[in-house]
Structures are given as C-alpha cells and as structure tokens.
C-alpha cells in the first residue's frame, strides 16, 4: 500500500499553498502548522513533509522554530526541506527535529556537499527531491530551470546510495487537476529499485489509487487536504 505523506508548506510560519510553484499565487490557510500536524497524526498518518518556502527563496532554512514545535508536539517522522545549502544548515534542520532532510538544489549546484552528507548522516536520512517541468529538473524553489533530464539525474544519485526520492510535477502542483502520471510511470519503469514518492496535483483518492497501481511507494498530499477534496476520514479509512 502506498504511503500517504501530508505536506505543510510554510511562509512566515503559516500554512500556505502555491500553484505551479508561483510565489505570486500564494494562498494562506488559517490552520496552525502544529495543530495541522497533530490532526494528521490523529488521523493515523505517520509521516510529514515540510517545505520551508521562505528558505527556498532565501537560500537558508527560515522556519526552524515551526519545525521544533511540530517535532516536539507530535510523533510524526518529519522530512524538512527548503534552503538547505551548507553543513550548518543541515545540522540545524536535524537539531530542530527533522528525521530526514529533503535535498534538491544542492544535488545540482553542490554535489560534493550531498556526497559528504550521505557519508556523514547516511543515505537513509536524505530524501532527494526532483522538481520537474517538461521532463527536466528545476531548482531554487522551482525558479531556475536546468537541462538535466530527471531519470539520469535520479540514476546518478542511486549509484551513490540514494534509494528514495520525491518527484514533483510542477505543472500539476497545486492545480487540483490530477497528477502527471506519465512521468511517474516512466521513472518506475526506468528505475525499479527507486522508492518513488509522487508529488503534485493530487485531487482525490482516485489519484492516490492510480499512483499506487503505478508502483509509487509514497504520495505527498497537500492542497487537496486543505481544500477539502480529500478528508482526513478518508485517509484514516485507507491507512487503517
């Protein structure tokens, strides 16, 4: 069964969602991040994906206090990403309570840093992120496109010990119009040893069922939860 991983995206310590990675499309939600995380845990979910959007824009983690509060207030296994660039950044993220660091831009801009972190912390504490537009990886909070095709990018890091990654189809993210199922089918077929977590566009339980059938090991769900397209009761029934 596919693992459902709810997402909390943060700007200014508040829960927000973007559409297609556009910082001009911010929608803020009134829910407290800590209370939101507790509701996810009460629903029977075990993982949480936190994206520090302030950090992604500024190039350093910003919302570490929220991470501390969620870590202290729940038993969720948290992966945290956004702005992790330096040895001090990743150490601070782990010190604040994250079990896993989500790494995207560094894997492109500073591969030697990610190599070092894999050696220092272990590959199991790294979640590789690939944000994809038109088949190629984008970095810097989705703001910079590269010419790196996603499958070779993931394969390179698998050869260095990474065995799980999340892939976000930027064109689908926040649109509530369904996932980019084609890219996930392509990756699962090309890299069967990768634990692939899908992200972006999930609008209903049907999307989750489809990703499960495709062979994804996990799915990140965000806006559909905040907009009431998927209820916590449905997730409880699914995981229960």
C-alpha atoms as a PDB file:
ATOM      1  CA  UNK A   1       0.000   0.000   0.000  1.00  0.00           C
ATOM      2  CA  UNK A   2       1.267   3.439  -0.929  1.00  0.00           C
ATOM      3  CA  UNK A   3       2.326   5.651   1.986  1.00  0.00           C
ATOM      4  CA  UNK A   4       0.367   8.891   2.268  1.00  0.00           C
ATOM      5  CA  UNK A   5       2.533  11.827   3.331  1.00  0.00           C
ATOM      6  CA  UNK A   6       0.721  15.080   4.104  1.00  0.00           C
ATOM      7  CA  UNK A   7       2.505  18.323   3.320  1.00  0.00           C
ATOM      8  CA  UNK A   8       2.858  21.569   5.198  1.00  0.00           C
ATOM      9  CA  UNK A   9       4.301  24.435   3.141  1.00  0.00           C
ATOM     10  CA  UNK A  10       5.443  27.408   5.201  1.00  0.00           C
ATOM     11  CA  UNK A  11       5.737  31.122   4.568  1.00  0.00           C
ATOM     12  CA  UNK A  12       6.108  33.360   7.598  1.00  0.00           C
ATOM     13  CA  UNK A  13       5.300  30.453   9.897  1.00  0.00           C
ATOM     14  CA  UNK A  14       1.892  29.924   8.262  1.00  0.00           C
ATOM     15  CA  UNK A  15       0.467  27.072   6.192  1.00  0.00           C
ATOM     16  CA  UNK A  16       0.270  28.101   2.526  1.00  0.00           C
ATOM     17  CA  UNK A  17      -0.020  26.533  -0.912  1.00  0.00           C
ATOM     18  CA  UNK A  18       1.282  27.730  -4.246  1.00  0.00           C
ATOM     19  CA  UNK A  19       0.057  26.909  -7.737  1.00  0.00           C
ATOM     20  CA  UNK A  20       2.707  25.643 -10.166  1.00  0.00           C
ATOM     21  CA  UNK A  21       5.454  26.959  -7.898  1.00  0.00           C
ATOM     22  CA  UNK A  22       4.425  30.566  -8.440  1.00  0.00           C
ATOM     23  CA  UNK A  23       5.149  32.699  -5.377  1.00  0.00           C
ATOM     24  CA  UNK A  24       2.631  35.188  -6.743  1.00  0.00           C
ATOM     25  CA  UNK A  25      -0.126  32.615  -6.260  1.00  0.00           C
ATOM     26  CA  UNK A  26       0.249  32.165  -2.504  1.00  0.00           C
ATOM     27  CA  UNK A  27      -2.884  31.066  -0.675  1.00  0.00           C
ATOM     28  CA  UNK A  28      -2.610  31.147   3.109  1.00  0.00           C
ATOM     29  CA  UNK A  29      -4.667  28.929   5.406  1.00  0.00           C
ATOM     30  CA  UNK A  30      -5.675  29.800   8.930  1.00  0.00           C
ATOM     31  CA  UNK A  31      -4.681  26.474  10.420  1.00  0.00           C
ATOM     32  CA  UNK A  32      -1.797  26.475  12.887  1.00  0.00           C
ATOM     33  CA  UNK A  33       1.013  24.332  11.461  1.00  0.00           C
ATOM     34  CA  UNK A  34       1.341  22.493  14.788  1.00  0.00           C
ATOM     35  CA  UNK A  35      -2.386  21.829  15.097  1.00  0.00           C
ATOM     36  CA  UNK A  36      -2.499  20.767  11.461  1.00  0.00           C
ATOM     37  CA  UNK A  37       0.310  18.275  12.072  1.00  0.00           C
ATOM     38  CA  UNK A  38      -1.494  16.934  15.130  1.00  0.00           C
ATOM     39  CA  UNK A  39      -4.642  16.371  13.079  1.00  0.00           C
ATOM     40  CA  UNK A  40      -2.623  14.414  10.537  1.00  0.00           C
ATOM     41  CA  UNK A  41      -1.177  12.267  13.301  1.00  0.00           C
ATOM     42  CA  UNK A  42      -4.599  11.739  14.893  1.00  0.00           C
ATOM     43  CA  UNK A  43      -5.847  10.526  11.506  1.00  0.00           C
ATOM     44  CA  UNK A  44      -3.311   7.699  11.623  1.00  0.00           C
ATOM     45  CA  UNK A  45      -0.655   9.184   9.342  1.00  0.00           C
ATOM     46  CA  UNK A  46       2.972   8.681  10.316  1.00  0.00           C
ATOM     47  CA  UNK A  47       4.986  10.943   8.008  1.00  0.00           C
ATOM     48  CA  UNK A  48       5.053  14.682   7.362  1.00  0.00           C
ATOM     49  CA  UNK A  49       6.649  16.613   4.529  1.00  0.00           C
ATOM     50  CA  UNK A  50       7.522  20.208   5.461  1.00  0.00           C
ATOM     51  CA  UNK A  51       8.622  22.700   2.813  1.00  0.00           C
ATOM     52  CA  UNK A  52      10.180  25.938   4.022  1.00  0.00           C
ATOM     53  CA  UNK A  53       9.251  28.208   1.125  1.00  0.00           C
ATOM     54  CA  UNK A  54      10.915  31.191   2.801  1.00  0.00           C
ATOM     55  CA  UNK A  55      14.046  29.073   2.979  1.00  0.00           C
ATOM     56  CA  UNK A  56      13.807  28.025  -0.654  1.00  0.00           C
ATOM     57  CA  UNK A  57      13.695  31.673  -1.707  1.00  0.00           C
ATOM     58  CA  UNK A  58      16.333  32.983   0.690  1.00  0.00           C
ATOM     59  CA  UNK A  59      18.792  30.095   0.405  1.00  0.00           C
ATOM     60  CA  UNK A  60      18.804  29.133   4.092  1.00  0.00           C
ATOM     61  CA  UNK A  61      16.268  27.457   6.409  1.00  0.00           C
ATOM     62  CA  UNK A  62      13.979  30.056   7.974  1.00  0.00           C
ATOM     63  CA  UNK A  63      11.084  28.269   9.659  1.00  0.00           C
ATOM     64  CA  UNK A  64      13.089  26.128  12.074  1.00  0.00           C
ATOM     65  CA  UNK A  65      11.028  27.206  15.081  1.00  0.00           C
ATOM     66  CA  UNK A  66       7.901  25.754  13.476  1.00  0.00           C
ATOM     67  CA  UNK A  67       9.828  22.548  12.853  1.00  0.00           C
ATOM     68  CA  UNK A  68      10.852  22.440  16.522  1.00  0.00           C
ATOM     69  CA  UNK A  69       7.264  22.899  17.650  1.00  0.00           C
ATOM     70  CA  UNK A  70       5.875  20.212  15.346  1.00  0.00           C
ATOM     71  CA  UNK A  71       8.638  17.796  16.294  1.00  0.00           C
ATOM     72  CA  UNK A  72       8.040  18.393  19.997  1.00  0.00           C
ATOM     73  CA  UNK A  73       4.257  18.253  19.659  1.00  0.00           C
ATOM     74  CA  UNK A  74       3.870  15.114  17.556  1.00  0.00           C
ATOM     75  CA  UNK A  75       5.462  11.731  16.964  1.00  0.00           C
ATOM     76  CA  UNK A  76       5.494  12.173  13.195  1.00  0.00           C
ATOM     77  CA  UNK A  77       8.546  11.282  11.146  1.00  0.00           C
ATOM     78  CA  UNK A  78       9.354  14.620   9.527  1.00  0.00           C
ATOM     79  CA  UNK A  79      11.262  15.380   6.373  1.00  0.00           C
ATOM     80  CA  UNK A  80      12.134  19.050   6.014  1.00  0.00           C
ATOM     81  CA  UNK A  81      13.442  20.941   3.023  1.00  0.00           C
ATOM     82  CA  UNK A  82      13.898  24.431   1.682  1.00  0.00           C
ATOM     83  CA  UNK A  83      17.135  26.387   1.645  1.00  0.00           C
ATOM     84  CA  UNK A  84      19.452  23.666   2.938  1.00  0.00           C
ATOM     85  CA  UNK A  85      22.780  24.647   1.398  1.00  0.00           C
ATOM     86  CA  UNK A  86      25.552  24.251   3.981  1.00  0.00           C
ATOM     87  CA  UNK A  87      26.814  21.845   6.625  1.00  0.00           C
ATOM     88  CA  UNK A  88      25.436  24.189   9.287  1.00  0.00           C
ATOM     89  CA  UNK A  89      22.030  24.260   7.572  1.00  0.00           C
ATOM     90  CA  UNK A  90      21.546  20.504   7.518  1.00  0.00           C
ATOM     91  CA  UNK A  91      22.850  20.166  11.092  1.00  0.00           C
ATOM     92  CA  UNK A  92      20.355  22.826  12.218  1.00  0.00           C
ATOM     93  CA  UNK A  93      17.490  21.022  10.492  1.00  0.00           C
ATOM     94  CA  UNK A  94      18.326  17.767  12.236  1.00  0.00           C
ATOM     95  CA  UNK A  95      18.856  19.550  15.558  1.00  0.00           C
ATOM     96  CA  UNK A  96      15.393  21.123  15.206  1.00  0.00           C
ATOM     97  CA  UNK A  97      13.778  17.701  14.985  1.00  0.00           C
ATOM     98  CA  UNK A  98      13.695  16.561  11.372  1.00  0.00           C
ATOM     99  CA  UNK A  99      14.450  12.889  10.837  1.00  0.00           C
ATOM    100  CA  UNK A 100      15.121  13.391   7.133  1.00  0.00           C
ATOM    101  CA  UNK A 101      16.479  16.310   5.106  1.00  0.00           C
ATOM    102  CA  UNK A 102      14.894  16.954   1.718  1.00  0.00           C
ATOM    103  CA  UNK A 103      17.618  17.969  -0.696  1.00  0.00           C
ATOM    104  CA  UNK A 104      17.057  19.341  -4.176  1.00  0.00           C
ATOM    105  CA  UNK A 105      19.122  22.271  -5.422  1.00  0.00           C
ATOM    106  CA  UNK A 106      22.316  21.148  -3.665  1.00  0.00           C
ATOM    107  CA  UNK A 107      22.233  17.892  -5.647  1.00  0.00           C
ATOM    108  CA  UNK A 108      22.642  20.032  -8.773  1.00  0.00           C
ATOM    109  CA  UNK A 109      24.707  23.001  -7.613  1.00  0.00           C
ATOM    110  CA  UNK A 110      26.959  21.391  -4.997  1.00  0.00           C
ATOM    111  CA  UNK A 111      27.049  17.636  -5.495  1.00  0.00           C
ATOM    112  CA  UNK A 112      30.135  17.340  -3.293  1.00  0.00           C
ATOM    113  CA  UNK A 113      28.108  18.636  -0.335  1.00  0.00           C
ATOM    114  CA  UNK A 114      25.450  15.980  -0.818  1.00  0.00           C
ATOM    115  CA  UNK A 115      28.164  13.328  -1.181  1.00  0.00           C
ATOM    116  CA  UNK A 116      29.573  14.465   2.145  1.00  0.00           C
ATOM    117  CA  UNK A 117      26.189  14.445   3.880  1.00  0.00           C
ATOM    118  CA  UNK A 118      25.456  10.936   2.639  1.00  0.00           C
ATOM    119  CA  UNK A 119      28.730   9.851   4.183  1.00  0.00           C
ATOM    120  CA  UNK A 120      28.171  11.765   7.418  1.00  0.00           C
ATOM    121  CA  UNK A 121      24.480  11.090   8.100  1.00  0.00           C
ATOM    122  CA  UNK A 122      23.676   8.077   5.924  1.00  0.00           C
ATOM    123  CA  UNK A 123      21.590   7.893   2.766  1.00  0.00           C
ATOM    124  CA  UNK A 124      18.525   6.946   4.822  1.00  0.00           C
ATOM    125  CA  UNK A 125      18.433  10.468   6.295  1.00  0.00           C
ATOM    126  CA  UNK A 126      18.395  12.123   2.883  1.00  0.00           C
ATOM    127  CA  UNK A 127      15.303  12.461   0.710  1.00  0.00           C
ATOM    128  CA  UNK A 128      16.323  13.509  -2.776  1.00  0.00           C
ATOM    129  CA  UNK A 129      13.892  15.924  -4.390  1.00  0.00           C
ATOM    130  CA  UNK A 130      13.470  16.468  -8.103  1.00  0.00           C
ATOM    131  CA  UNK A 131      11.105  19.212  -9.152  1.00  0.00           C
ATOM    132  CA  UNK A 132      10.302  18.639 -12.808  1.00  0.00           C
ATOM    133  CA  UNK A 133       8.990  20.838 -15.581  1.00  0.00           C
ATOM    134  CA  UNK A 134       8.768  19.400 -19.118  1.00  0.00           C
ATOM    135  CA  UNK A 135      10.891  16.424 -18.083  1.00  0.00           C
ATOM    136  CA  UNK A 136      13.808  18.469 -16.757  1.00  0.00           C
ATOM    137  CA  UNK A 137      14.816  19.305 -13.193  1.00  0.00           C
ATOM    138  CA  UNK A 138      14.175  22.795 -11.798  1.00  0.00           C
ATOM    139  CA  UNK A 139      15.936  24.166  -8.704  1.00  0.00           C
ATOM    140  CA  UNK A 140      15.955  27.195  -6.383  1.00  0.00           C
ATOM    141  CA  UNK A 141      12.384  26.743  -5.255  1.00  0.00           C
ATOM    142  CA  UNK A 142      11.304  25.868  -8.824  1.00  0.00           C
ATOM    143  CA  UNK A 143      12.545  29.223 -10.067  1.00  0.00           C
ATOM    144  CA  UNK A 144      15.564  28.022 -12.124  1.00  0.00           C
ATOM    145  CA  UNK A 145      15.266  25.510 -14.938  1.00  0.00           C
ATOM    146  CA  UNK A 146      18.143  23.180 -15.791  1.00  0.00           C
ATOM    147  CA  UNK A 147      18.863  20.954 -18.766  1.00  0.00           C
ATOM    148  CA  UNK A 148      19.056  17.860 -16.545  1.00  0.00           C
ATOM    149  CA  UNK A 149      16.614  15.122 -17.542  1.00  0.00           C
ATOM    150  CA  UNK A 150      15.007  13.634 -14.454  1.00  0.00           C
ATOM    151  CA  UNK A 151      15.749   9.924 -14.997  1.00  0.00           C
ATOM    152  CA  UNK A 152      19.539  10.300 -15.458  1.00  0.00           C
ATOM    153  CA  UNK A 153      19.592  12.737 -12.536  1.00  0.00           C
ATOM    154  CA  UNK A 154      17.931  10.221 -10.221  1.00  0.00           C
ATOM    155  CA  UNK A 155      20.031   7.357 -11.550  1.00  0.00           C
ATOM    156  CA  UNK A 156      23.245   9.231 -10.786  1.00  0.00           C
ATOM    157  CA  UNK A 157      22.301   9.563  -7.125  1.00  0.00           C
ATOM    158  CA  UNK A 158      21.060   5.988  -6.877  1.00  0.00           C
ATOM    159  CA  UNK A 159      24.584   4.943  -7.809  1.00  0.00           C
ATOM    160  CA  UNK A 160      25.761   6.889  -4.736  1.00  0.00           C
ATOM    161  CA  UNK A 161      23.395   5.138  -2.346  1.00  0.00           C
ATOM    162  CA  UNK A 162      20.182   7.157  -2.558  1.00  0.00           C
ATOM    163  CA  UNK A 163      17.264   4.748  -2.861  1.00  0.00           C
ATOM    164  CA  UNK A 164      14.264   7.064  -2.425  1.00  0.00           C
ATOM    165  CA  UNK A 165      13.241  10.363  -3.934  1.00  0.00           C
ATOM    166  CA  UNK A 166      10.214  12.528  -4.393  1.00  0.00           C
ATOM    167  CA  UNK A 167       9.392  13.940  -7.789  1.00  0.00           C
ATOM    168  CA  UNK A 168       7.111  16.941  -8.170  1.00  0.00           C
ATOM    169  CA  UNK A 169       5.453  17.692 -11.487  1.00  0.00           C
ATOM    170  CA  UNK A 170       5.481  21.488 -11.226  1.00  0.00           C
ATOM    171  CA  UNK A 171       2.873  21.921 -13.954  1.00  0.00           C
ATOM    172  CA  UNK A 172       0.405  19.939 -11.858  1.00  0.00           C
ATOM    173  CA  UNK A 173       1.306  21.168  -8.383  1.00  0.00           C
ATOM    174  CA  UNK A 174      -1.481  22.999  -6.611  1.00  0.00           C
ATOM    175  CA  UNK A 175      -3.792  22.683  -9.606  1.00  0.00           C
ATOM    176  CA  UNK A 176      -6.102  20.014  -8.175  1.00  0.00           C
ATOM    177  CA  UNK A 177      -6.425  18.611 -11.698  1.00  0.00           C
ATOM    178  CA  UNK A 178      -4.740  15.251 -11.299  1.00  0.00           C
ATOM    179  CA  UNK A 179      -1.142  14.101 -11.288  1.00  0.00           C
ATOM    180  CA  UNK A 180       1.418  13.888 -14.052  1.00  0.00           C
ATOM    181  CA  UNK A 181       1.063  10.117 -14.039  1.00  0.00           C
ATOM    182  CA  UNK A 182       3.155   9.709 -17.185  1.00  0.00           C
ATOM    183  CA  UNK A 183       6.382  10.907 -15.579  1.00  0.00           C
ATOM    184  CA  UNK A 184       5.922   8.513 -12.649  1.00  0.00           C
ATOM    185  CA  UNK A 185       5.302   5.566 -14.947  1.00  0.00           C
ATOM    186  CA  UNK A 186       8.467   6.483 -16.850  1.00  0.00           C
ATOM    187  CA  UNK A 187      10.583   6.660 -13.687  1.00  0.00           C
ATOM    188  CA  UNK A 188       9.202   3.433 -12.173  1.00  0.00           C
ATOM    189  CA  UNK A 189       9.907   1.586 -15.428  1.00  0.00           C
ATOM    190  CA  UNK A 190      13.429   3.005 -15.783  1.00  0.00           C
ATOM    191  CA  UNK A 191      14.482   2.789 -12.121  1.00  0.00           C
ATOM    192  CA  UNK A 192      12.660  -0.130 -10.463  1.00  0.00           C
ATOM    193  CA  UNK A 193      14.986  -0.028  -7.437  1.00  0.00           C
ATOM    194  CA  UNK A 194      13.957   3.515  -6.510  1.00  0.00           C
ATOM    195  CA  UNK A 195      11.347   4.184  -3.837  1.00  0.00           C
ATOM    196  CA  UNK A 196       9.461   6.874  -5.726  1.00  0.00           C
ATOM    197  CA  UNK A 197       7.267   9.402  -3.922  1.00  0.00           C
ATOM    198  CA  UNK A 198       4.882  11.311  -6.171  1.00  0.00           C
ATOM    199  CA  UNK A 199       4.042  14.944  -5.519  1.00  0.00           C
ATOM    200  CA  UNK A 200       1.826  17.475  -7.232  1.00  0.00           C
ATOM    201  CA  UNK A 201      -1.732  17.584  -8.475  1.00  0.00           C
ATOM    202  CA  UNK A 202      -3.378  15.015  -6.210  1.00  0.00           C
ATOM    203  CA  UNK A 203      -7.060  15.969  -6.140  1.00  0.00           C
ATOM    204  CA  UNK A 204      -8.882  12.838  -4.972  1.00  0.00           C
ATOM    205  CA  UNK A 205      -8.469   9.368  -3.545  1.00  0.00           C
ATOM    206  CA  UNK A 206      -8.689   8.095  -7.132  1.00  0.00           C
ATOM    207  CA  UNK A 207      -5.370   9.825  -7.859  1.00  0.00           C
ATOM    208  CA  UNK A 208      -3.822   8.051  -4.868  1.00  0.00           C
ATOM    209  CA  UNK A 209      -5.135   4.675  -6.042  1.00  0.00           C
ATOM    210  CA  UNK A 210      -3.722   5.316  -9.529  1.00  0.00           C
ATOM    211  CA  UNK A 211      -0.275   6.194  -8.164  1.00  0.00           C
ATOM    212  CA  UNK A 212      -0.339   3.055  -6.018  1.00  0.00           C
ATOM    213  CA  UNK A 213      -1.091   0.940  -9.087  1.00  0.00           C
ATOM    214  CA  UNK A 214       1.729   2.679 -10.965  1.00  0.00           C
ATOM    215  CA  UNK A 215       4.237   1.441  -8.399  1.00  0.00           C
ATOM    216  CA  UNK A 216       4.972   4.605  -6.431  1.00  0.00           C
ATOM    217  CA  UNK A 217       5.951   3.898  -2.814  1.00  0.00           C
ATOM    218  CA  UNK A 218       4.535   7.152  -1.457  1.00  0.00           C
ATOM    219  CA  UNK A 219       2.467  10.198  -2.326  1.00  0.00           C
ATOM    220  CA  UNK A 220       2.652  13.723  -0.929  1.00  0.00           C
ATOM    221  CA  UNK A 221      -0.776  15.290  -0.487  1.00  0.00           C
ATOM    222  CA  UNK A 222      -1.213  18.992   0.195  1.00  0.00           C
ATOM    223  CA  UNK A 223      -3.784  21.303  -1.309  1.00  0.00           C
ATOM    224  CA  UNK A 224      -6.429  18.576  -1.679  1.00  0.00           C
ATOM    225  CA  UNK A 225      -6.440  18.235   2.110  1.00  0.00           C
ATOM    226  CA  UNK A 226      -6.605  21.963   2.783  1.00  0.00           C
ATOM    227  CA  UNK A 227      -9.374  22.485   0.234  1.00  0.00           C
ATOM    228  CA  UNK A 228     -11.429  19.538   1.486  1.00  0.00           C
ATOM    229  CA  UNK A 229     -11.104  17.470  -1.695  1.00  0.00           C
ATOM    230  CA  UNK A 230      -9.741  14.617   0.420  1.00  0.00           C
ATOM    231  CA  UNK A 231     -10.891  14.249   4.007  1.00  0.00           C
ATOM    232  CA  UNK A 232      -8.863  13.041   6.938  1.00  0.00           C
ATOM    233  CA  UNK A 233     -11.600  10.442   7.486  1.00  0.00           C
ATOM    234  CA  UNK A 234     -10.896   9.009   4.033  1.00  0.00           C
ATOM    235  CA  UNK A 235      -7.196   8.806   4.821  1.00  0.00           C
ATOM    236  CA  UNK A 236      -7.887   7.178   8.174  1.00  0.00           C
ATOM    237  CA  UNK A 237     -10.002   4.537   6.447  1.00  0.00           C
ATOM    238  CA  UNK A 238      -7.280   3.988   3.838  1.00  0.00           C
ATOM    239  CA  UNK A 239      -4.379   3.594   6.244  1.00  0.00           C
ATOM    240  CA  UNK A 240      -6.431   1.758   8.861  1.00  0.00           C
END
